[in-house]
Amino acid sequence: MVTVDGVGRSYRSGAGPVTALRDASFTVPAGQLVAVVGPSGSGKTTLLNAIGGLDRPDTGRVLVAGREVTALGEAGLAELRRDVIGFVFQTFGLLPVLSAAENVGLPLRLRRTPPAEREDRARLLLELVGLGGHAAQRPHELSGGQQQRVAIARALANRPQLLIADEPTGQLDQQTGQDVMVLLRAVIRAEGMTGIVATHDPTIMELADRVIRLRDGAVVADEAAAATTGR
């Protein structure tokens, strides 16, 4: 599903160039849930942005579902992000003026999905994440954990093949974060997707199939996690 081949990325700063990724390489088969871990500044977000087509690496290539992301133009990247990849961010990213159901249905609206089909899909996804009774509520009326569940439902609206989540529990307390991650894994399994999650949370590492560890922008370990070893 995902191939990262020799990816490197540097940025300019006031103190000079900063290398965020160094020759990162790995593959992710379809259906796996992979945790990308490492200290702040290790390159996790840069890596996820490169995989998701939100940023272009300086060197190397990325393939997602057979498409070479690093070779796509802006129109191709927009299509990839719309049809193939779902994103979940730490900050939720919900539109405050829209209800939970309207937030979930927004990607479908952008695809000009008929209203009845859009509403049915939003209702189904809110039920899937345990928020069937909160469809009419706006983000400020929901807890942080509930908002992240809405964000997960929205990421699933277009039936993506790949779900990318960047620190999805970063603003949640430990128990809520664990609940959200258990839900995320269950949804990935139920929808038959591949998942890549950047995190500091050891709970997520235990729920993943694999853990890829970054340090100073380089992949320093790629190992089976507790979910597959049975620990």
Protein backbone atom coordinates (compact mmCIF):
# COMPACT_ATOMS: atom_id res chain seq x y z
CA MET A 1 0.00 0.00 0.00
CA VAL A 2 2.81 2.46 0.93
CA THR A 3 6.43 2.55 -0.21
CA VAL A 4 8.86 5.14 1.15
CA ASP A 5 12.13 4.95 -0.77
CA GLY A 6 15.15 7.03 0.23
CA VAL A 7 13.10 10.07 1.26
CA GLY A 8 14.95 13.13 2.49
CA ARG A 9 13.69 16.59 3.40
CA SER A 10 15.49 19.72 4.61
CA TYR A 11 14.23 23.16 5.58
CA ARG A 12 15.87 26.53 5.89
CA SER A 13 15.91 28.25 9.27
CA GLY A 14 17.58 31.30 10.75
CA ALA A 15 20.44 29.12 11.96
CA GLY A 16 20.85 27.42 8.55
CA PRO A 17 19.43 24.31 6.91
CA VAL A 18 17.67 21.75 9.12
CA THR A 19 17.43 18.14 7.96
CA ALA A 20 14.02 16.72 8.89
CA LEU A 21 14.29 13.36 7.09
CA ARG A 22 17.37 11.38 6.11
CA ASP A 23 17.08 8.60 3.51
CA ALA A 24 13.92 7.13 5.07
CA SER A 25 12.86 3.82 3.54
CA PHE A 26 10.18 1.23 4.41
CA THR A 27 7.05 -0.42 3.03
CA VAL A 28 3.61 -0.86 4.58
CA PRO A 29 1.42 -3.73 3.29
CA ALA A 30 -2.30 -3.19 2.90
CA GLY A 31 -4.26 -3.70 6.10
CA GLN A 32 -1.48 -2.91 8.57
CA LEU A 33 -1.66 -0.34 11.37
CA VAL A 34 1.79 1.22 11.77
CA ALA A 35 2.88 3.52 14.61
CA VAL A 36 5.61 6.05 13.75
CA VAL A 37 7.33 7.08 16.97
CA GLY A 38 10.20 9.28 18.05
CA PRO A 39 10.96 12.41 20.09
CA SER A 40 9.78 15.85 19.04
CA GLY A 41 11.74 17.00 16.02
CA SER A 42 12.54 13.48 14.85
CA GLY A 43 10.68 13.93 11.55
CA LYS A 44 7.34 12.22 12.20
CA THR A 45 5.10 14.97 10.84
CA THR A 46 7.41 15.61 7.89
CA LEU A 47 7.26 11.91 7.02
CA LEU A 48 3.47 11.77 7.22
CA ASN A 49 3.16 14.95 5.14
CA ALA A 50 5.38 13.41 2.46
CA ILE A 51 3.31 10.21 2.39
CA GLY A 52 0.04 12.14 2.27
CA GLY A 53 1.15 14.52 -0.47
CA LEU A 54 1.02 17.57 1.81
CA ASP A 55 4.75 18.22 1.33
CA ARG A 56 7.31 17.28 -1.31
CA PRO A 57 10.56 15.61 -0.24
CA ASP A 58 13.86 16.83 -1.67
CA THR A 59 15.05 13.32 -2.48
CA GLY A 60 13.54 9.86 -2.86
CA ARG A 61 10.02 8.83 -3.78
CA VAL A 62 6.74 7.84 -2.15
CA LEU A 63 4.15 5.46 -3.61
CA VAL A 64 0.61 5.07 -2.25
CA ALA A 65 -1.78 2.49 -3.70
CA GLY A 66 0.42 2.19 -6.79
CA ARG A 67 0.61 5.93 -7.43
CA GLU A 68 3.92 7.76 -7.21
CA VAL A 69 2.94 10.64 -4.93
CA THR A 70 6.23 12.46 -5.47
CA ALA A 71 5.63 12.60 -9.24
CA LEU A 72 2.08 13.98 -9.12
CA GLY A 73 1.13 17.55 -9.99
CA GLU A 74 -1.23 19.63 -7.88
CA ALA A 75 -4.35 18.23 -9.55
CA GLY A 76 -3.15 14.66 -9.03
CA LEU A 77 -2.28 15.35 -5.40
CA ALA A 78 -5.70 16.88 -4.77
CA GLU A 79 -7.36 13.82 -6.27
CA LEU A 80 -5.17 11.49 -4.16
CA ARG A 81 -6.00 13.34 -0.95
CA ARG A 82 -9.70 13.41 -1.85
CA ASP A 83 -10.14 9.82 -2.99
CA VAL A 84 -7.37 7.64 -1.54
CA ILE A 85 -6.13 9.15 1.74
CA GLY A 86 -7.96 10.21 4.90
CA PHE A 87 -6.31 12.53 7.44
CA VAL A 88 -6.78 12.86 11.21
CA PHE A 89 -4.92 15.69 12.95
CA GLN A 90 -4.12 16.49 16.57
CA THR A 91 -6.14 19.73 16.41
CA PHE A 92 -9.33 18.02 15.12
CA GLY A 93 -9.84 20.64 12.38
CA LEU A 94 -13.64 20.70 12.61
CA LEU A 95 -15.54 23.69 11.24
CA PRO A 96 -17.22 25.36 14.24
CA VAL A 97 -20.29 26.56 12.33
CA LEU A 98 -21.18 23.05 11.12
CA SER A 99 -22.86 20.26 13.05
CA ALA A 100 -21.11 16.94 13.64
CA ALA A 101 -23.02 15.39 10.72
CA GLU A 102 -22.23 18.33 8.44
CA ASN A 103 -18.52 18.13 9.33
CA VAL A 104 -18.50 14.42 8.52
CA GLY A 105 -20.33 15.01 5.26
CA LEU A 106 -18.08 17.87 4.10
CA PRO A 107 -15.71 15.71 1.99
CA LEU A 108 -18.75 14.19 0.28
CA ARG A 109 -20.15 17.65 -0.42
CA LEU A 110 -16.87 18.55 -2.11
CA ARG A 111 -17.30 15.49 -4.33
CA ARG A 112 -20.85 16.59 -5.15
CA THR A 113 -22.32 13.44 -3.61
CA PRO A 114 -26.14 13.58 -3.67
CA PRO A 115 -27.54 14.96 -0.38
CA ALA A 116 -29.44 11.80 0.61
CA GLU A 117 -26.39 9.59 0.06
CA ARG A 118 -24.21 12.08 1.92
CA GLU A 119 -26.54 12.21 4.90
CA ASP A 120 -26.82 8.42 5.05
CA ARG A 121 -23.03 8.03 5.01
CA ALA A 122 -22.54 10.67 7.72
CA ARG A 123 -25.17 9.03 9.91
CA LEU A 124 -23.58 5.61 9.45
CA LEU A 125 -20.10 6.90 10.31
CA LEU A 126 -21.28 8.74 13.41
CA GLU A 127 -22.90 5.51 14.56
CA LEU A 128 -19.64 3.69 13.84
CA VAL A 129 -17.66 6.03 16.13
CA GLY A 130 -20.31 5.96 18.85
CA LEU A 131 -21.80 9.41 18.26
CA GLY A 132 -25.10 8.56 16.59
CA GLY A 133 -26.96 10.72 19.10
CA HIS A 134 -24.76 13.78 18.57
CA ALA A 135 -25.28 14.44 14.86
CA ALA A 136 -26.85 17.88 15.35
CA GLN A 137 -24.31 19.17 17.87
CA ARG A 138 -21.59 21.63 16.92
CA PRO A 139 -17.94 21.12 17.93
CA HIS A 140 -18.11 23.47 20.95
CA GLU A 141 -20.89 21.29 22.38
CA LEU A 142 -18.70 18.16 22.26
CA SER A 143 -15.81 17.01 24.45
CA GLY A 144 -12.30 16.71 23.03
CA GLY A 145 -12.66 12.97 22.68
CA GLN A 146 -15.99 13.36 20.89
CA GLN A 147 -14.53 15.96 18.53
CA GLN A 148 -11.71 13.59 17.62
CA ARG A 149 -14.27 10.86 16.95
CA VAL A 150 -16.08 13.22 14.57
CA ALA A 151 -12.72 13.95 12.89
CA ILE A 152 -12.14 10.20 12.46
CA ALA A 153 -15.61 9.79 10.97
CA ARG A 154 -14.94 12.68 8.57
CA ALA A 155 -11.64 11.07 7.51
CA LEU A 156 -13.59 7.93 6.58
CA ALA A 157 -16.28 9.70 4.57
CA ASN A 158 -14.76 9.01 1.15
CA ARG A 159 -13.81 5.41 2.00
CA PRO A 160 -10.05 6.00 1.85
CA GLN A 161 -7.58 3.18 1.35
CA LEU A 162 -5.02 4.83 3.65
CA LEU A 163 -5.67 6.66 6.93
CA ILE A 164 -2.92 9.00 8.17
CA ALA A 165 -3.16 10.29 11.75
CA ASP A 166 -0.67 12.80 13.20
CA GLU A 167 -0.65 12.67 17.02
CA PRO A 168 -4.43 12.04 17.12
CA THR A 169 -4.46 11.74 20.94
CA GLY A 170 -2.10 14.65 21.62
CA GLN A 171 -4.82 16.91 23.09
CA LEU A 172 -6.67 14.18 24.99
CA ASP A 173 -6.25 12.77 28.47
CA GLN A 174 -4.77 9.29 28.77
CA GLN A 175 -8.01 7.32 29.07
CA THR A 176 -9.80 9.25 26.33
CA GLY A 177 -6.74 8.91 24.10
CA GLN A 178 -6.69 5.15 24.65
CA ASP A 179 -10.40 4.91 23.87
CA VAL A 180 -9.90 6.88 20.65
CA MET A 181 -7.01 4.65 19.59
CA VAL A 182 -8.95 1.45 20.28
CA LEU A 183 -11.72 2.92 18.14
CA LEU A 184 -9.26 3.91 15.41
CA ARG A 185 -7.82 0.41 15.21
CA ALA A 186 -11.31 -1.12 15.14
CA VAL A 187 -12.38 1.24 12.35
CA ILE A 188 -9.27 0.47 10.29
CA ARG A 189 -10.03 -3.24 10.64
CA ALA A 190 -13.74 -2.82 9.87
CA GLU A 191 -13.17 -0.63 6.83
CA GLY A 192 -10.27 -2.75 5.51
CA MET A 193 -7.86 0.19 5.46
CA THR A 194 -4.17 0.74 6.08
CA GLY A 195 -3.25 3.11 8.92
CA ILE A 196 -0.12 5.13 9.70
CA VAL A 197 -0.17 6.96 13.05
CA ALA A 198 2.52 9.30 14.40
CA THR A 199 2.54 9.29 18.19
CA HIS A 200 4.35 9.59 21.52
CA ASP A 201 1.70 7.45 23.21
CA PRO A 202 2.89 3.97 24.28
CA THR A 203 -0.72 2.75 24.20
CA ILE A 204 -0.82 3.30 20.45
CA MET A 205 2.39 1.35 20.01
CA GLU A 206 0.78 -1.61 21.77
CA LEU A 207 -2.25 -1.45 19.47
CA ALA A 208 -0.22 -1.25 16.27
CA ASP A 209 1.01 -4.10 14.07
CA ARG A 210 4.40 -2.44 13.59
CA VAL A 211 6.43 0.35 15.14
CA ILE A 212 8.76 2.48 13.02
CA ARG A 213 11.15 4.52 15.15
CA LEU A 214 12.67 7.78 13.97
CA ARG A 215 15.62 9.66 15.42
CA ASP A 216 17.06 12.83 13.90
CA GLY A 217 15.08 12.17 10.73
CA ALA A 218 16.36 8.63 10.17
CA VAL A 219 14.56 5.29 10.55
CA VAL A 220 16.47 3.58 13.36
CA ALA A 221 14.12 0.61 13.99
CA ASP A 222 11.23 -1.18 12.30
CA GLU A 223 9.75 -3.84 14.55
CA ALA A 224 6.63 -5.87 15.24
CA ALA A 225 4.47 -4.35 17.98
CA ALA A 226 2.50 -5.93 20.80
CA ALA A 227 -0.60 -6.29 18.63
CA THR A 228 1.20 -8.90 16.51
CA THR A 229 3.57 -10.42 19.03
CA GLY A 230 0.87 -11.01 21.63
CA ARG A 231 2.77 -9.29 24.43
